[in-house]
Amino acid sequence: MLDRAIARFKTPGLRDLSHSAPYMHNGQFDTLDDIIGFYRVVSTQARAATLRNDAVRLQRIALTAGDVTSLVAFLKSLNEDYQ
């Protein structure tokens, strides 16, 4: 079944990401800061083995509070200039 599912979903790009809130599959996050903060928390839980059904890839995310600000600024720099 996996072979049939490959390339059936188109993942949106990062351009204009900050204009496409809400975020996640269920729209639970309103800002880029919120979503990056979420990944900071779950990656910490994954490394501590306190996250149920954690993905190994989450364990490799190690963002500091300072990284969040820089990462949000970078993602916002990918916005189109509409003015």
N, C-alpha and C. Protein backbone atom coordinates (compact mmCIF):
# COMPACT_ATOMS: atom_id res chain seq x y z
N MET A 1 0.81 -1.19 0.00
CA MET A 1 0.00 0.00 0.00
C MET A 1 0.86 1.26 0.00
N LEU A 2 2.03 1.22 0.62
CA LEU A 2 2.91 2.38 0.65
C LEU A 2 3.32 2.79 -0.76
N ASP A 3 3.62 1.82 -1.61
CA ASP A 3 4.02 2.15 -2.98
C ASP A 3 2.96 2.97 -3.70
N ARG A 4 1.70 2.69 -3.44
CA ARG A 4 0.62 3.44 -4.09
C ARG A 4 0.43 4.82 -3.48
N ALA A 5 0.87 5.02 -2.25
CA ALA A 5 0.68 6.30 -1.57
C ALA A 5 1.78 7.31 -1.87
N ILE A 6 2.92 6.85 -2.36
CA ILE A 6 4.04 7.75 -2.62
C ILE A 6 3.65 8.76 -3.69
N ALA A 7 3.92 10.02 -3.41
CA ALA A 7 3.67 11.16 -4.30
C ALA A 7 2.19 11.48 -4.47
N ARG A 8 1.34 10.98 -3.62
CA ARG A 8 -0.09 11.32 -3.71
C ARG A 8 -0.40 12.61 -2.97
N PHE A 9 0.46 13.03 -2.08
CA PHE A 9 0.22 14.23 -1.30
C PHE A 9 1.28 15.25 -1.64
N LYS A 10 0.86 16.47 -1.88
CA LYS A 10 1.81 17.54 -2.17
C LYS A 10 2.02 18.36 -0.90
N THR A 11 3.23 18.37 -0.43
CA THR A 11 3.57 19.14 0.76
C THR A 11 3.83 20.58 0.34
N PRO A 12 3.18 21.55 0.98
CA PRO A 12 3.40 22.95 0.60
C PRO A 12 4.84 23.37 0.88
N GLY A 13 5.32 24.34 0.13
CA GLY A 13 6.66 24.87 0.33
C GLY A 13 6.71 25.83 1.51
N LEU A 14 7.88 26.41 1.73
CA LEU A 14 8.07 27.32 2.85
C LEU A 14 7.79 28.78 2.49
N ARG A 15 7.70 29.09 1.20
CA ARG A 15 7.44 30.47 0.80
C ARG A 15 6.08 30.91 1.32
N ASP A 16 6.03 32.08 1.93
CA ASP A 16 4.81 32.65 2.51
C ASP A 16 4.23 31.82 3.65
N LEU A 17 5.06 31.07 4.31
CA LEU A 17 4.61 30.21 5.40
C LEU A 17 3.93 31.00 6.51
N SER A 18 4.46 32.17 6.84
CA SER A 18 3.86 32.93 7.95
C SER A 18 2.50 33.51 7.60
N HIS A 19 2.12 33.46 6.32
CA HIS A 19 0.79 33.92 5.90
C HIS A 19 -0.21 32.77 5.83
N SER A 20 0.19 31.57 6.21
CA SER A 20 -0.68 30.41 6.00
C SER A 20 -1.18 29.77 7.30
N ALA A 21 -1.22 30.55 8.37
CA ALA A 21 -1.75 30.02 9.64
C ALA A 21 -3.22 29.66 9.46
N PRO A 22 -3.73 28.76 10.22
CA PRO A 22 -3.14 28.02 11.32
C PRO A 22 -2.27 26.87 10.82
N TYR A 23 -1.48 26.33 11.74
CA TYR A 23 -0.49 25.31 11.40
C TYR A 23 -0.84 23.95 11.98
N MET A 24 -0.24 22.93 11.45
CA MET A 24 -0.42 21.51 11.77
C MET A 24 -1.64 20.97 11.03
N HIS A 25 -1.78 19.69 11.06
CA HIS A 25 -2.85 19.04 10.30
C HIS A 25 -4.23 19.40 10.83
N ASN A 26 -4.31 19.83 12.08
CA ASN A 26 -5.61 20.16 12.66
C ASN A 26 -5.75 21.64 12.99
N GLY A 27 -4.78 22.46 12.58
CA GLY A 27 -4.87 23.90 12.80
C GLY A 27 -4.76 24.34 14.25
N GLN A 28 -4.05 23.58 15.07
CA GLN A 28 -4.01 23.89 16.50
C GLN A 28 -3.04 25.00 16.87
N PHE A 29 -2.15 25.41 15.97
CA PHE A 29 -1.19 26.47 16.31
C PHE A 29 -1.42 27.69 15.43
N ASP A 30 -1.38 28.88 16.05
CA ASP A 30 -1.66 30.11 15.33
C ASP A 30 -0.43 30.85 14.83
N THR A 31 0.73 30.59 15.44
CA THR A 31 1.93 31.33 15.05
C THR A 31 3.09 30.37 14.79
N LEU A 32 4.08 30.88 14.08
CA LEU A 32 5.30 30.09 13.85
C LEU A 32 6.01 29.83 15.18
N ASP A 33 5.99 30.80 16.08
CA ASP A 33 6.60 30.59 17.40
C ASP A 33 5.95 29.41 18.13
N ASP A 34 4.62 29.31 18.01
CA ASP A 34 3.90 28.21 18.67
C ASP A 34 4.32 26.86 18.11
N ILE A 35 4.40 26.75 16.81
CA ILE A 35 4.71 25.45 16.19
C ILE A 35 6.16 25.06 16.46
N ILE A 36 7.07 26.00 16.42
CA ILE A 36 8.47 25.67 16.70
C ILE A 36 8.62 25.34 18.19
N GLY A 37 7.91 26.05 19.05
CA GLY A 37 7.91 25.72 20.47
C GLY A 37 7.39 24.31 20.72
N PHE A 38 6.37 23.92 19.99
CA PHE A 38 5.84 22.55 20.08
C PHE A 38 6.93 21.53 19.75
N TYR A 39 7.65 21.76 18.67
CA TYR A 39 8.71 20.82 18.30
C TYR A 39 9.86 20.83 19.30
N ARG A 40 10.12 21.96 19.94
CA ARG A 40 11.13 21.98 21.02
C ARG A 40 10.72 21.05 22.15
N VAL A 41 9.46 21.13 22.56
CA VAL A 41 8.96 20.33 23.67
C VAL A 41 8.96 18.84 23.32
N VAL A 42 8.39 18.48 22.17
CA VAL A 42 8.30 17.06 21.85
C VAL A 42 9.66 16.44 21.56
N SER A 43 10.59 17.22 21.04
CA SER A 43 11.93 16.66 20.80
C SER A 43 12.64 16.41 22.13
N THR A 44 12.43 17.29 23.10
CA THR A 44 12.99 17.07 24.43
C THR A 44 12.39 15.82 25.06
N GLN A 45 11.08 15.66 24.92
CA GLN A 45 10.41 14.46 25.43
C GLN A 45 10.91 13.21 24.73
N ALA A 46 11.14 13.29 23.43
CA ALA A 46 11.62 12.13 22.68
C ALA A 46 13.01 11.72 23.15
N ARG A 47 13.89 12.70 23.40
CA ARG A 47 15.24 12.37 23.89
C ARG A 47 15.19 11.79 25.29
N ALA A 48 14.20 12.20 26.10
CA ALA A 48 14.08 11.70 27.46
C ALA A 48 13.27 10.40 27.52
N ALA A 49 12.83 9.93 26.37
CA ALA A 49 12.02 8.70 26.27
C ALA A 49 10.71 8.80 27.06
N THR A 50 10.14 10.01 27.09
CA THR A 50 8.86 10.20 27.77
C THR A 50 7.74 10.52 26.79
N LEU A 51 8.01 10.40 25.51
CA LEU A 51 7.01 10.67 24.47
C LEU A 51 6.52 9.36 23.90
N ARG A 52 5.22 9.15 23.96
CA ARG A 52 4.66 7.91 23.39
C ARG A 52 4.78 7.94 21.88
N ASN A 53 5.13 6.81 21.32
CA ASN A 53 5.20 6.65 19.86
C ASN A 53 6.08 7.70 19.20
N ASP A 54 7.20 8.02 19.83
CA ASP A 54 8.06 9.06 19.28
C ASP A 54 8.78 8.58 18.03
N ALA A 55 9.01 9.52 17.16
CA ALA A 55 9.78 9.26 15.95
C ALA A 55 11.26 9.51 16.27
N VAL A 56 12.12 8.67 15.76
CA VAL A 56 13.56 8.81 16.02
C VAL A 56 14.05 10.16 15.53
N ARG A 57 13.49 10.66 14.46
CA ARG A 57 13.93 11.95 13.91
C ARG A 57 13.69 13.09 14.89
N LEU A 58 12.67 13.00 15.71
CA LEU A 58 12.42 14.05 16.69
C LEU A 58 13.55 14.16 17.70
N GLN A 59 14.20 13.07 17.98
CA GLN A 59 15.29 13.07 18.96
C GLN A 59 16.47 13.92 18.50
N ARG A 60 16.58 14.11 17.21
CA ARG A 60 17.71 14.86 16.66
C ARG A 60 17.47 16.37 16.64
N ILE A 61 16.26 16.82 16.95
CA ILE A 61 15.98 18.25 17.00
C ILE A 61 16.41 18.76 18.37
N ALA A 62 17.26 19.76 18.38
CA ALA A 62 17.75 20.31 19.65
C ALA A 62 17.82 21.83 19.53
N LEU A 63 16.67 22.49 19.60
CA LEU A 63 16.59 23.93 19.48
C LEU A 63 16.62 24.60 20.85
N THR A 64 17.35 25.69 20.94
CA THR A 64 17.33 26.50 22.15
C THR A 64 16.27 27.59 21.99
N ALA A 65 16.00 28.31 23.06
CA ALA A 65 15.04 29.42 23.00
C ALA A 65 15.51 30.47 21.99
N GLY A 66 16.81 30.70 21.96
CA GLY A 66 17.37 31.66 20.99
C GLY A 66 17.23 31.19 19.56
N ASP A 67 17.30 29.89 19.35
CA ASP A 67 17.12 29.34 18.01
C ASP A 67 15.73 29.61 17.47
N VAL A 68 14.73 29.61 18.35
CA VAL A 68 13.35 29.82 17.92
C VAL A 68 13.22 31.18 17.26
N THR A 69 13.74 32.21 17.89
CA THR A 69 13.67 33.56 17.34
C THR A 69 14.34 33.64 15.98
N SER A 70 15.51 33.05 15.87
CA SER A 70 16.24 33.08 14.61
C SER A 70 15.52 32.28 13.53
N LEU A 71 14.98 31.13 13.88
CA LEU A 71 14.29 30.29 12.91
C LEU A 71 13.00 30.97 12.42
N VAL A 72 12.26 31.59 13.32
CA VAL A 72 11.05 32.30 12.91
C VAL A 72 11.41 33.47 11.99
N ALA A 73 12.46 34.20 12.31
CA ALA A 73 12.90 35.31 11.45
C ALA A 73 13.28 34.80 10.07
N PHE A 74 13.97 33.67 10.00
CA PHE A 74 14.34 33.09 8.70
C PHE A 74 13.10 32.71 7.91
N LEU A 75 12.17 32.01 8.55
CA LEU A 75 10.95 31.59 7.84
C LEU A 75 10.15 32.78 7.34
N LYS A 76 10.10 33.85 8.13
CA LYS A 76 9.39 35.05 7.70
C LYS A 76 10.11 35.75 6.56
N SER A 77 11.42 35.57 6.45
CA SER A 77 12.17 36.18 5.36
C SER A 77 11.83 35.54 4.01
N LEU A 78 11.18 34.39 4.02
CA LEU A 78 10.79 33.72 2.79
C LEU A 78 9.44 34.19 2.25
N ASN A 79 8.84 35.19 2.93
CA ASN A 79 7.55 35.74 2.48
C ASN A 79 7.74 36.57 1.23
N GLU A 80 6.73 36.57 0.39
CA GLU A 80 6.70 37.44 -0.76
C GLU A 80 6.41 38.86 -0.29
N ASP A 81 6.90 39.85 -1.00
CA ASP A 81 6.60 41.25 -0.67
C ASP A 81 5.38 41.66 -1.46
N TYR A 82 4.25 41.78 -0.76
CA TYR A 82 3.00 42.11 -1.44
C TYR A 82 2.76 43.59 -1.61
N GLN A 83 3.64 44.42 -1.08
CA GLN A 83 3.38 45.87 -1.12
C GLN A 83 4.09 46.54 -2.25
